[in-house]
């Protein structure tokens, strides 16, 4: 829900979106429904392909999906980067992102936010959303 709130706030027709760890494609589909000019989805698990494509068909969407390790992504030239994935992967991924994108991170326990403090020193934390024990961080390089 926090990711959806953030997408509704930051994605629009002038936005390009990279969905890292896209899973079922729900966040990519929402971004496309909001008329993002480009949506690209990446996941490291080939098991997501069938469900991803099913959800695309169900929503009459067409998002390109690439199966690859997110740490191998070379192009972060997007306006918004979504990453609703494991904390340890986020900690490895964040330093690789060099663009001025709005980066929306989730899959973070509130108690684990402290683990991100050092790695986020070159970022501005635009927003922190908390629900129950979970957090969503919206960040951008300073």
Protein backbone atom coordinates (compact mmCIF):
# COMPACT_ATOMS: atom_id res chain seq x y z
CA UNK A 1 0.00 0.00 0.00
CA UNK A 2 2.84 2.45 0.78
CA UNK A 3 4.38 1.83 -2.65
CA UNK A 4 1.03 2.48 -4.31
CA UNK A 5 0.61 5.73 -2.36
CA UNK A 6 4.05 6.85 -3.49
CA UNK A 7 3.51 5.85 -7.11
CA UNK A 8 0.27 7.82 -7.17
CA UNK A 9 2.20 10.83 -5.90
CA UNK A 10 5.34 10.66 -8.10
CA UNK A 11 4.37 8.96 -11.38
CA UNK A 12 2.64 10.82 -14.20
CA UNK A 13 2.64 11.13 -18.00
CA UNK A 14 6.09 12.76 -18.06
CA UNK A 15 7.67 10.04 -15.94
CA UNK A 16 9.80 7.07 -16.93
CA UNK A 17 9.74 4.21 -14.41
CA UNK A 18 12.13 1.37 -13.61
CA UNK A 19 10.53 -1.34 -11.44
CA UNK A 20 13.32 -3.35 -9.78
CA UNK A 21 12.20 -6.70 -8.40
CA UNK A 22 8.87 -6.33 -10.16
CA UNK A 23 7.44 -9.72 -9.19
CA UNK A 24 3.83 -9.93 -10.37
CA UNK A 25 4.10 -6.59 -12.18
CA UNK A 26 1.45 -4.78 -10.16
CA UNK A 27 3.56 -1.65 -9.60
CA UNK A 28 4.63 -1.57 -13.26
CA UNK A 29 1.02 -1.91 -14.38
CA UNK A 30 -0.09 0.89 -12.05
CA UNK A 31 2.69 3.11 -13.40
CA UNK A 32 1.57 2.42 -16.95
CA UNK A 33 -2.08 3.06 -16.03
CA UNK A 34 -0.93 6.46 -14.73
CA UNK A 35 0.35 7.06 -18.27
CA UNK A 36 4.08 6.95 -17.47
CA UNK A 37 5.89 7.55 -20.74
CA UNK A 38 8.06 4.44 -20.25
CA UNK A 39 7.93 1.52 -17.82
CA UNK A 40 10.62 -1.14 -17.64
CA UNK A 41 10.46 -4.07 -15.22
CA UNK A 42 13.33 -6.22 -13.93
CA UNK A 43 13.27 -9.33 -11.78
CA UNK A 44 15.91 -11.95 -11.06
CA UNK A 45 13.42 -14.83 -10.80
CA UNK A 46 12.19 -16.40 -14.04
CA UNK A 47 9.30 -17.92 -12.06
CA UNK A 48 7.59 -14.49 -12.12
CA UNK A 49 7.19 -14.45 -15.92
CA UNK A 50 3.93 -16.39 -16.13
CA UNK A 51 2.22 -14.40 -13.37
CA UNK A 52 3.65 -11.12 -14.70
CA UNK A 53 2.31 -11.83 -18.20
CA UNK A 54 -1.05 -12.96 -16.80
CA UNK A 55 -1.41 -9.66 -14.92
CA UNK A 56 -0.41 -7.71 -18.03
CA UNK A 57 -3.12 -9.47 -20.04
CA UNK A 58 -5.68 -9.00 -17.26
CA UNK A 59 -4.97 -5.25 -17.23
CA UNK A 60 -4.52 -4.81 -20.98
CA UNK A 61 -0.96 -3.58 -20.36
CA UNK A 62 2.33 -3.95 -22.15
CA UNK A 63 5.39 -3.58 -19.96
CA UNK A 64 8.75 -4.98 -20.99
CA UNK A 65 10.15 -7.45 -18.47
CA UNK A 66 13.77 -8.53 -18.32
CA UNK A 67 14.98 -11.37 -16.13
CA UNK A 68 18.34 -10.38 -14.68
CA UNK A 69 20.12 -9.72 -11.41
CA UNK A 70 19.16 -6.19 -10.36
CA UNK A 71 22.76 -5.56 -9.36
CA UNK A 72 23.66 -5.94 -13.05
CA UNK A 73 21.39 -3.09 -14.20
CA UNK A 74 23.51 -0.59 -16.12
CA UNK A 75 20.87 2.02 -17.03
CA UNK A 76 19.27 3.90 -14.15
CA UNK A 77 18.31 6.82 -16.38
CA UNK A 78 14.68 6.95 -15.23
CA UNK A 79 12.65 9.59 -13.39
CA UNK A 80 11.29 7.13 -10.83
CA UNK A 81 12.88 3.90 -9.63
CA UNK A 82 10.75 1.46 -7.64
CA UNK A 83 12.33 -1.21 -5.45
CA UNK A 84 10.09 -3.22 -3.15
CA UNK A 85 12.63 -5.90 -2.34
CA UNK A 86 14.74 -7.50 0.36
CA UNK A 87 16.67 -5.13 2.65
CA UNK A 88 20.05 -6.74 1.87
CA UNK A 89 19.54 -6.37 -1.87
CA UNK A 90 18.48 -2.74 -1.36
CA UNK A 91 21.67 -2.07 0.59
CA UNK A 92 23.72 -3.41 -2.35
CA UNK A 93 21.56 -1.73 -5.01
CA UNK A 94 21.32 1.84 -3.69
CA UNK A 95 25.02 2.72 -4.18
CA UNK A 96 24.74 1.62 -7.84
CA UNK A 97 22.02 4.15 -8.64
CA UNK A 98 23.65 7.25 -10.04
CA UNK A 99 20.66 9.05 -11.56
CA UNK A 100 18.70 11.98 -10.15
CA UNK A 101 15.62 9.74 -10.03
CA UNK A 102 13.07 9.71 -7.29
CA UNK A 103 13.77 6.33 -5.70
CA UNK A 104 10.94 4.64 -3.83
CA UNK A 105 12.16 1.86 -1.53
CA UNK A 106 10.04 -0.57 0.40
CA UNK A 107 10.33 -3.99 1.98
CA UNK A 108 12.09 -2.32 4.91
CA UNK A 109 11.22 -2.99 8.52
CA UNK A 110 11.04 0.20 10.60
CA UNK A 111 13.68 -1.27 12.92
CA UNK A 112 16.02 -1.69 9.91
CA UNK A 113 15.93 1.95 8.76
CA UNK A 114 19.02 2.60 10.89
CA UNK A 115 20.93 0.14 8.66
CA UNK A 116 20.32 2.51 5.73
CA UNK A 117 21.59 5.71 7.40
CA UNK A 118 25.20 5.49 6.20
CA UNK A 119 24.34 4.33 2.70
CA UNK A 120 21.78 7.13 2.37
CA UNK A 121 24.20 9.92 3.33
CA UNK A 122 24.45 11.12 -0.30
CA UNK A 123 20.65 11.08 -0.66
CA UNK A 124 17.95 13.41 0.47
CA UNK A 125 15.17 11.51 2.22
CA UNK A 126 12.12 13.18 0.72
CA UNK A 127 9.57 11.15 2.60
CA UNK A 128 9.34 8.31 5.10
CA UNK A 129 6.04 6.46 5.26
CA UNK A 130 5.41 3.98 8.07
CA UNK A 131 2.64 1.42 8.39
CA UNK A 132 2.70 -1.08 11.24
CA UNK A 133 6.27 -2.45 11.32
CA UNK A 134 7.08 -1.55 7.69
CA UNK A 135 8.56 1.57 6.08
CA UNK A 136 8.75 3.08 2.63
CA UNK A 137 11.52 5.59 1.90
CA UNK A 138 11.38 8.10 -0.94
CA UNK A 139 14.90 9.35 -1.67
CA UNK A 140 16.89 11.30 -4.26
CA UNK A 141 20.59 12.00 -4.71
CA UNK A 142 21.43 15.40 -3.19
